[in-house]
Every structure is written in C-alpha cells, then in structure tokens.
Amino acid sequence: MLRNKILLFCPICRNVLIMKEGQKCYRFASATWENVDSTAETCPKCEHALAYFMQIQTRSADEPMTTFYKCCSSQCGHCWRD
C-alpha cells in the first residue's frame, strides 16, 4: 500500500527533515549533523572555539563546495555557512 508523503527540507542546508517525537509534541529534525567532524572555527554568535562542519556541493560541479558549520556548544548550536 502506498502512502502519500510530503518531504520537507531544511531551509539552511537543504537536507531532508525527519519527524521526531518530543515530550509534548512532534518536532522536525535533520540527521545531517550526526557523524561529522569538528574543527577550530569560532562561532559568530557565542565565540565558542570549536564547530562541527560538513561540505556539500550546493551548486554546479565547477563551483566550490559550500562549508556548513554548527557550534559545538550545547547551549548555542548556532548554524552558519562559509
């Protein structure tokens, strides 16, 4: 049996969002930041010294890859791109 499904995408990194059950409601999350490395990149929001990073080809193949960062601080979690 086929079900109708709607795919939602993250407005920052364009990855598919998945639905996770929270304490009081459902929320959307991205599995994108699982299993990524960290680097010495300062967060522009809280100035934490480390950030997770990943590179994604967002444009045509002759353009450079886009680097996305996420602050390693559990209180911040700010995301930005280079």
N, C-alpha and C. Protein backbone atom coordinates (compact mmCIF):
# COMPACT_ATOMS: atom_id res chain seq x y z
N MET A 1 0.84 -1.18 0.00
CA MET A 1 0.00 0.00 0.00
C MET A 1 0.88 1.24 0.00
N LEU A 2 0.60 2.17 -0.85
CA LEU A 2 1.36 3.41 -0.94
C LEU A 2 0.71 4.48 -0.09
N ARG A 3 1.52 5.22 0.62
CA ARG A 3 1.03 6.35 1.41
C ARG A 3 1.50 7.64 0.78
N ASN A 4 0.69 8.65 0.93
CA ASN A 4 1.11 9.97 0.48
C ASN A 4 2.08 10.55 1.50
N LYS A 5 3.24 10.98 1.05
CA LYS A 5 4.23 11.56 1.95
C LYS A 5 4.68 12.90 1.40
N ILE A 6 4.89 13.82 2.29
CA ILE A 6 5.39 15.13 1.93
C ILE A 6 6.81 15.24 2.48
N LEU A 7 7.75 15.58 1.62
CA LEU A 7 9.13 15.77 2.06
C LEU A 7 9.34 17.24 2.41
N LEU A 8 9.90 17.49 3.57
CA LEU A 8 10.25 18.85 3.99
C LEU A 8 11.76 18.95 4.04
N PHE A 9 12.28 20.11 3.67
CA PHE A 9 13.72 20.30 3.60
C PHE A 9 14.15 21.44 4.51
N CYS A 10 15.34 21.30 5.09
CA CYS A 10 15.92 22.33 5.94
C CYS A 10 16.19 23.59 5.11
N PRO A 11 15.77 24.77 5.56
CA PRO A 11 16.00 25.99 4.79
C PRO A 11 17.46 26.42 4.78
N ILE A 12 18.28 25.88 5.69
CA ILE A 12 19.70 26.27 5.75
C ILE A 12 20.56 25.36 4.89
N CYS A 13 20.46 24.04 5.13
CA CYS A 13 21.36 23.11 4.44
C CYS A 13 20.67 22.29 3.36
N ARG A 14 19.37 22.43 3.21
CA ARG A 14 18.58 21.77 2.17
C ARG A 14 18.51 20.25 2.32
N ASN A 15 18.78 19.70 3.48
CA ASN A 15 18.66 18.27 3.71
C ASN A 15 17.25 17.93 4.15
N VAL A 16 16.86 16.68 3.96
CA VAL A 16 15.52 16.23 4.32
C VAL A 16 15.35 16.27 5.83
N LEU A 17 14.21 16.79 6.28
CA LEU A 17 13.88 16.82 7.70
C LEU A 17 13.11 15.56 8.06
N ILE A 18 13.38 15.04 9.24
CA ILE A 18 12.66 13.88 9.73
C ILE A 18 11.85 14.29 10.96
N MET A 19 10.73 13.60 11.20
CA MET A 19 9.89 13.94 12.34
C MET A 19 10.32 13.10 13.54
N LYS A 20 10.53 13.76 14.68
CA LYS A 20 10.89 13.08 15.92
C LYS A 20 9.86 13.43 16.98
N GLU A 21 9.61 12.48 17.86
CA GLU A 21 8.63 12.69 18.92
C GLU A 21 9.30 13.35 20.11
N GLY A 22 8.77 14.48 20.54
CA GLY A 22 9.27 15.18 21.71
C GLY A 22 8.44 14.84 22.93
N GLN A 23 8.66 15.55 24.03
CA GLN A 23 7.91 15.28 25.26
C GLN A 23 6.44 15.65 25.13
N LYS A 24 6.17 16.78 24.47
CA LYS A 24 4.78 17.25 24.37
C LYS A 24 4.25 17.25 22.94
N CYS A 25 5.14 17.19 21.96
CA CYS A 25 4.70 17.26 20.57
C CYS A 25 5.75 16.65 19.65
N TYR A 26 5.43 16.59 18.39
CA TYR A 26 6.40 16.15 17.40
C TYR A 26 7.22 17.36 16.95
N ARG A 27 8.46 17.10 16.53
CA ARG A 27 9.29 18.19 16.01
C ARG A 27 10.06 17.67 14.81
N PHE A 28 10.50 18.58 13.98
CA PHE A 28 11.30 18.21 12.82
C PHE A 28 12.77 18.34 13.16
N ALA A 29 13.55 17.40 12.69
CA ALA A 29 14.99 17.41 12.94
C ALA A 29 15.69 16.93 11.68
N SER A 30 16.95 17.25 11.59
CA SER A 30 17.78 16.82 10.47
C SER A 30 18.84 15.87 11.00
N ALA A 31 19.02 14.75 10.35
CA ALA A 31 20.05 13.79 10.75
C ALA A 31 21.40 14.18 10.15
N THR A 32 21.46 15.35 9.59
CA THR A 32 22.65 15.81 8.89
C THR A 32 23.87 15.90 9.78
N TRP A 33 23.72 16.35 11.01
CA TRP A 33 24.87 16.62 11.88
C TRP A 33 25.34 15.40 12.66
N GLU A 34 24.80 14.23 12.38
CA GLU A 34 25.30 13.02 13.01
C GLU A 34 26.55 12.56 12.26
N ASN A 35 27.55 12.10 12.99
CA ASN A 35 28.79 11.56 12.43
C ASN A 35 29.59 12.58 11.62
N VAL A 36 29.68 13.81 12.09
CA VAL A 36 30.51 14.81 11.44
C VAL A 36 31.70 15.16 12.34
N ASP A 37 32.74 15.70 11.74
CA ASP A 37 33.94 16.08 12.48
C ASP A 37 33.83 17.52 12.98
N SER A 38 34.71 17.88 13.92
CA SER A 38 34.76 19.26 14.40
C SER A 38 36.10 19.88 14.00
N THR A 39 36.12 21.20 14.01
CA THR A 39 37.32 21.93 13.62
C THR A 39 37.43 23.20 14.46
N ALA A 40 38.58 23.83 14.41
CA ALA A 40 38.81 25.08 15.15
C ALA A 40 38.22 26.24 14.35
N GLU A 41 36.94 26.46 14.52
CA GLU A 41 36.21 27.55 13.87
C GLU A 41 35.40 28.26 14.94
N THR A 42 35.56 29.56 15.09
CA THR A 42 34.89 30.32 16.14
C THR A 42 33.45 30.62 15.76
N CYS A 43 32.54 30.35 16.69
CA CYS A 43 31.13 30.63 16.47
C CYS A 43 30.91 32.14 16.46
N PRO A 44 30.23 32.69 15.44
CA PRO A 44 29.99 34.13 15.41
C PRO A 44 28.97 34.61 16.44
N LYS A 45 28.20 33.69 17.02
CA LYS A 45 27.16 34.07 17.98
C LYS A 45 27.68 34.05 19.41
N CYS A 46 28.36 32.95 19.83
CA CYS A 46 28.78 32.83 21.23
C CYS A 46 30.30 32.80 21.40
N GLU A 47 31.04 32.81 20.30
CA GLU A 47 32.50 32.81 20.27
C GLU A 47 33.12 31.53 20.85
N HIS A 48 32.38 30.42 20.82
CA HIS A 48 32.93 29.11 21.19
C HIS A 48 33.99 28.74 20.16
N ALA A 49 35.07 28.11 20.60
CA ALA A 49 36.24 27.89 19.72
C ALA A 49 36.10 26.72 18.75
N LEU A 50 35.14 25.81 18.95
CA LEU A 50 35.00 24.64 18.08
C LEU A 50 33.64 24.62 17.40
N ALA A 51 33.63 24.05 16.19
CA ALA A 51 32.37 23.90 15.45
C ALA A 51 32.41 22.60 14.65
N TYR A 52 31.25 21.96 14.53
CA TYR A 52 31.12 20.83 13.61
C TYR A 52 31.08 21.39 12.20
N PHE A 53 31.51 20.60 11.23
CA PHE A 53 31.46 21.10 9.85
C PHE A 53 31.17 19.97 8.87
N MET A 54 30.62 20.36 7.74
CA MET A 54 30.43 19.45 6.60
C MET A 54 30.45 20.27 5.33
N GLN A 55 30.82 19.62 4.25
CA GLN A 55 30.86 20.29 2.95
C GLN A 55 29.86 19.62 2.02
N ILE A 56 29.09 20.45 1.32
CA ILE A 56 28.07 19.96 0.41
C ILE A 56 28.19 20.71 -0.92
N GLN A 57 28.02 19.98 -2.00
CA GLN A 57 28.01 20.59 -3.33
C GLN A 57 26.62 21.16 -3.57
N THR A 58 26.46 22.46 -3.38
CA THR A 58 25.13 23.07 -3.49
C THR A 58 24.86 23.67 -4.86
N ARG A 59 25.90 23.91 -5.61
CA ARG A 59 25.73 24.50 -6.95
C ARG A 59 26.27 23.54 -7.99
N SER A 60 26.60 24.02 -9.15
CA SER A 60 27.11 23.16 -10.22
C SER A 60 28.50 22.62 -9.87
N ALA A 61 28.92 21.60 -10.58
CA ALA A 61 30.17 20.91 -10.27
C ALA A 61 31.41 21.79 -10.42
N ASP A 62 31.33 22.83 -11.24
CA ASP A 62 32.51 23.69 -11.42
C ASP A 62 32.61 24.77 -10.35
N GLU A 63 31.63 24.85 -9.45
CA GLU A 63 31.66 25.80 -8.33
C GLU A 63 32.26 25.10 -7.10
N PRO A 64 32.89 25.85 -6.19
CA PRO A 64 33.43 25.22 -4.98
C PRO A 64 32.31 24.72 -4.06
N MET A 65 32.65 23.76 -3.21
CA MET A 65 31.69 23.22 -2.25
C MET A 65 31.38 24.26 -1.18
N THR A 66 30.19 24.21 -0.60
CA THR A 66 29.79 25.10 0.48
C THR A 66 30.07 24.40 1.81
N THR A 67 30.73 25.09 2.73
CA THR A 67 31.01 24.54 4.05
C THR A 67 29.97 25.04 5.04
N PHE A 68 29.32 24.12 5.74
CA PHE A 68 28.34 24.43 6.76
C PHE A 68 28.96 24.15 8.12
N TYR A 69 28.67 25.01 9.10
CA TYR A 69 29.19 24.87 10.45
C TYR A 69 28.04 24.85 11.46
N LYS A 70 28.27 24.17 12.58
CA LYS A 70 27.33 24.18 13.70
C LYS A 70 28.16 24.26 14.98
N CYS A 71 27.85 25.20 15.83
CA CYS A 71 28.59 25.42 17.07
C CYS A 71 28.56 24.15 17.94
N CYS A 72 29.72 23.79 18.49
CA CYS A 72 29.83 22.60 19.36
C CYS A 72 29.26 22.84 20.75
N SER A 73 29.01 24.09 21.11
CA SER A 73 28.46 24.38 22.43
C SER A 73 27.02 23.89 22.51
N SER A 74 26.73 23.08 23.54
CA SER A 74 25.37 22.54 23.67
C SER A 74 24.34 23.63 23.99
N GLN A 75 24.77 24.75 24.57
CA GLN A 75 23.84 25.84 24.86
C GLN A 75 23.54 26.69 23.62
N CYS A 76 24.44 26.70 22.66
CA CYS A 76 24.29 27.56 21.48
C CYS A 76 23.73 26.80 20.29
N GLY A 77 24.53 25.96 19.64
CA GLY A 77 24.09 25.19 18.49
C GLY A 77 23.84 26.02 17.24
N HIS A 78 24.38 27.24 17.18
CA HIS A 78 24.18 28.14 16.04
C HIS A 78 24.73 27.51 14.76
N CYS A 79 24.01 27.65 13.65
CA CYS A 79 24.45 27.14 12.35
C CYS A 79 24.74 28.29 11.41
N TRP A 80 25.80 28.17 10.62
CA TRP A 80 26.15 29.16 9.61
C TRP A 80 26.92 28.49 8.50
N ARG A 81 27.11 29.21 7.41
CA ARG A 81 27.88 28.66 6.29
C ARG A 81 28.96 29.61 5.85
N ASP A 82 29.95 29.05 5.21
CA ASP A 82 31.11 29.82 4.77
C ASP A 82 30.95 30.21 3.31
